[in-house]
Amino acid sequence: MPRLLIVHHTPSPAMQELFEAVLGGATDPDIEGVEVVRRPALSATASDVLEADGYLLGTPANIGYISGALKHFFDTVYYPCLDATRGRPFGAYVHGNLGTEGAVKALRDITGGLGWRAVVETVALSGAPDGDARARCRELGATVAATLTL
């Protein structure tokens, strides 16, 4: 059974809402045969990454960059996973109050270095999550999970 790893840094109510929407999409009952594993960014390990077939990444945009927790995750797993995970699918969501461009670029650069394959555009959101934001995150989770069943 394919495994989807959700690595997230969820320090705020807004990020919690988005995480729950992503998780709801990834675990949609219409998507059968995918095991969904969730790990906070500070506790996710190289073993978690190596055992997964695809990834969902969630981070706040902090001062124009990904969170320190997600950066730590990438610092920890980058070289141990570099060759073994090339070509694996991923998706990401970013929430910021003052802009998300730098965080989105950082995710693109780091995942590009790992050779991961974006299967959907990163969901970048600002302000309080509304119904549209939650729907976009739910679709993100469902899309990445469904990719693993193809």
Protein backbone atom coordinates (compact mmCIF):
# COMPACT_ATOMS: atom_id res chain seq x y z
CA MET A 1 0.00 0.00 0.00
CA PRO A 2 1.46 3.39 -0.94
CA ARG A 3 2.28 5.72 1.93
CA LEU A 4 1.74 9.48 1.97
CA LEU A 5 3.79 11.42 4.52
CA ILE A 6 2.43 14.77 5.71
CA VAL A 7 5.18 16.89 7.26
CA HIS A 8 3.83 20.04 8.83
CA HIS A 9 4.61 22.90 11.17
CA THR A 10 1.32 23.93 12.72
CA PRO A 11 1.92 26.66 15.34
CA SER A 12 -1.28 28.67 14.87
CA PRO A 13 -5.04 28.22 14.59
CA ALA A 14 -4.86 29.19 10.91
CA MET A 15 -2.26 26.53 10.19
CA GLN A 16 -4.30 23.99 12.17
CA GLU A 17 -7.36 24.71 9.99
CA LEU A 18 -5.32 24.24 6.83
CA PHE A 19 -3.66 21.07 8.14
CA GLU A 20 -7.06 19.57 8.96
CA ALA A 21 -8.33 20.42 5.47
CA VAL A 22 -5.26 18.82 3.83
CA LEU A 23 -5.64 15.75 6.03
CA GLY A 24 -9.35 15.55 5.20
CA GLY A 25 -8.54 15.50 1.50
CA ALA A 26 -5.73 12.97 1.86
CA THR A 27 -7.95 10.61 3.86
CA ASP A 28 -11.07 11.04 1.71
CA PRO A 29 -12.93 7.70 1.69
CA ASP A 30 -13.13 7.85 -2.12
CA ILE A 31 -9.34 7.49 -2.25
CA GLU A 32 -8.68 3.89 -1.31
CA GLY A 33 -5.41 2.13 -0.65
CA VAL A 34 -3.25 4.99 0.62
CA GLU A 35 -1.78 4.99 4.12
CA VAL A 36 -1.50 8.55 5.44
CA VAL A 37 1.20 9.25 8.03
CA ARG A 38 1.50 12.66 9.72
CA ARG A 39 4.57 14.02 11.41
CA PRO A 40 5.31 17.42 12.90
CA ALA A 41 8.32 18.86 11.11
CA LEU A 42 10.50 18.71 14.23
CA SER A 43 9.94 14.97 14.68
CA ALA A 44 9.91 13.72 11.07
CA THR A 45 12.95 11.61 10.25
CA ALA A 46 14.86 10.37 7.23
CA SER A 47 13.30 6.95 7.84
CA ASP A 48 9.83 8.51 7.57
CA VAL A 49 10.79 10.04 4.23
CA LEU A 50 12.41 6.89 2.88
CA GLU A 51 9.36 4.79 3.83
CA ALA A 52 6.93 7.14 2.06
CA ASP A 53 5.95 7.17 -1.58
CA GLY A 54 4.83 10.81 -1.67
CA TYR A 55 4.80 13.93 0.50
CA LEU A 56 2.63 16.82 1.61
CA LEU A 57 4.44 19.74 3.22
CA GLY A 58 2.86 22.49 5.32
CA THR A 59 4.52 25.61 6.67
CA PRO A 60 3.80 29.13 7.76
CA ALA A 61 5.71 31.84 5.93
CA ASN A 62 7.91 33.41 8.59
CA ILE A 63 9.63 36.66 7.63
CA GLY A 64 9.46 35.63 3.99
CA TYR A 65 10.77 32.07 4.42
CA ILE A 66 9.65 28.59 5.44
CA SER A 67 9.42 27.94 9.17
CA GLY A 68 12.56 27.04 11.07
CA ALA A 69 10.93 23.70 11.89
CA LEU A 70 10.47 22.77 8.23
CA LYS A 71 13.99 24.02 7.44
CA HIS A 72 15.30 21.76 10.22
CA PHE A 73 13.37 18.85 8.69
CA PHE A 74 14.99 19.43 5.31
CA ASP A 75 18.44 19.87 6.90
CA THR A 76 17.99 16.52 8.65
CA VAL A 77 16.70 14.48 5.71
CA TYR A 78 18.29 16.09 2.66
CA TYR A 79 21.44 14.03 2.17
CA PRO A 80 20.18 10.73 3.63
CA CYS A 81 17.20 10.85 1.22
CA LEU A 82 18.74 12.62 -1.77
CA ASP A 83 19.23 9.71 -4.17
CA ALA A 84 16.57 7.34 -2.88
CA THR A 85 13.60 9.71 -3.19
CA ARG A 86 14.19 11.36 -6.56
CA GLY A 87 11.06 11.62 -8.68
CA ARG A 88 8.63 11.12 -5.81
CA PRO A 89 5.46 13.24 -5.93
CA PHE A 90 4.72 16.05 -3.49
CA GLY A 91 2.48 18.99 -2.82
CA ALA A 92 2.69 21.88 -0.35
CA TYR A 93 0.70 24.58 1.39
CA VAL A 94 1.98 27.85 2.84
CA HIS A 95 0.19 30.40 4.99
CA GLY A 96 1.50 33.88 5.68
CA ASN A 97 0.31 37.24 6.87
CA LEU A 98 2.94 39.33 5.11
CA GLY A 99 3.48 37.38 1.90
CA THR A 100 4.34 33.84 0.93
CA GLU A 101 6.58 34.31 -2.11
CA GLY A 102 9.87 33.63 -0.32
CA ALA A 103 8.55 30.49 1.38
CA VAL A 104 7.13 29.15 -1.89
CA LYS A 105 10.46 29.79 -3.61
CA ALA A 106 12.36 28.05 -0.81
CA LEU A 107 10.10 25.00 -1.08
CA ARG A 108 10.55 24.94 -4.85
CA ASP A 109 14.34 25.20 -4.53
CA ILE A 110 14.73 22.57 -1.80
CA THR A 111 12.36 20.03 -3.33
CA GLY A 112 13.96 20.68 -6.70
CA GLY A 113 17.33 19.86 -5.20
CA LEU A 114 15.88 16.62 -3.85
CA GLY A 115 14.45 15.86 -7.27
CA TRP A 116 10.89 15.60 -5.98
CA ARG A 117 8.10 16.10 -8.52
CA ALA A 118 5.35 18.64 -7.82
CA VAL A 119 2.02 17.10 -8.82
CA VAL A 120 0.00 20.21 -7.99
CA GLU A 121 0.78 23.90 -7.60
CA THR A 122 1.67 24.99 -4.06
CA VAL A 123 -1.33 26.43 -2.24
CA ALA A 124 -0.21 29.84 -0.95
CA LEU A 125 -2.64 31.64 1.35
CA SER A 126 -2.73 34.88 3.32
CA GLY A 127 -5.06 36.05 6.05
CA ALA A 128 -7.64 34.09 7.97
CA PRO A 129 -8.57 30.82 6.25
CA ASP A 130 -12.02 30.91 4.67
CA GLY A 131 -14.09 28.28 2.92
CA ASP A 132 -12.18 28.71 -0.34
CA ALA A 133 -8.82 28.27 1.43
CA ARG A 134 -10.01 25.13 3.19
CA ALA A 135 -11.41 23.76 -0.08
CA ARG A 136 -8.12 24.40 -1.88
CA CYS A 137 -6.20 22.60 0.88
CA ARG A 138 -8.63 19.69 0.87
CA GLU A 139 -8.18 19.40 -2.90
CA LEU A 140 -4.40 19.54 -2.44
CA GLY A 141 -4.49 16.62 0.00
CA ALA A 142 -6.80 14.58 -2.20
CA THR A 143 -4.78 15.23 -5.35
CA VAL A 144 -1.47 14.14 -3.87
CA ALA A 145 -3.04 11.06 -2.25
CA ALA A 146 -4.80 10.10 -5.48
CA THR A 147 -1.53 10.43 -7.39
CA LEU A 148 -0.15 7.56 -5.32
CA THR A 149 -2.91 5.22 -6.53
CA LEU A 150 -2.12 5.66 -10.23
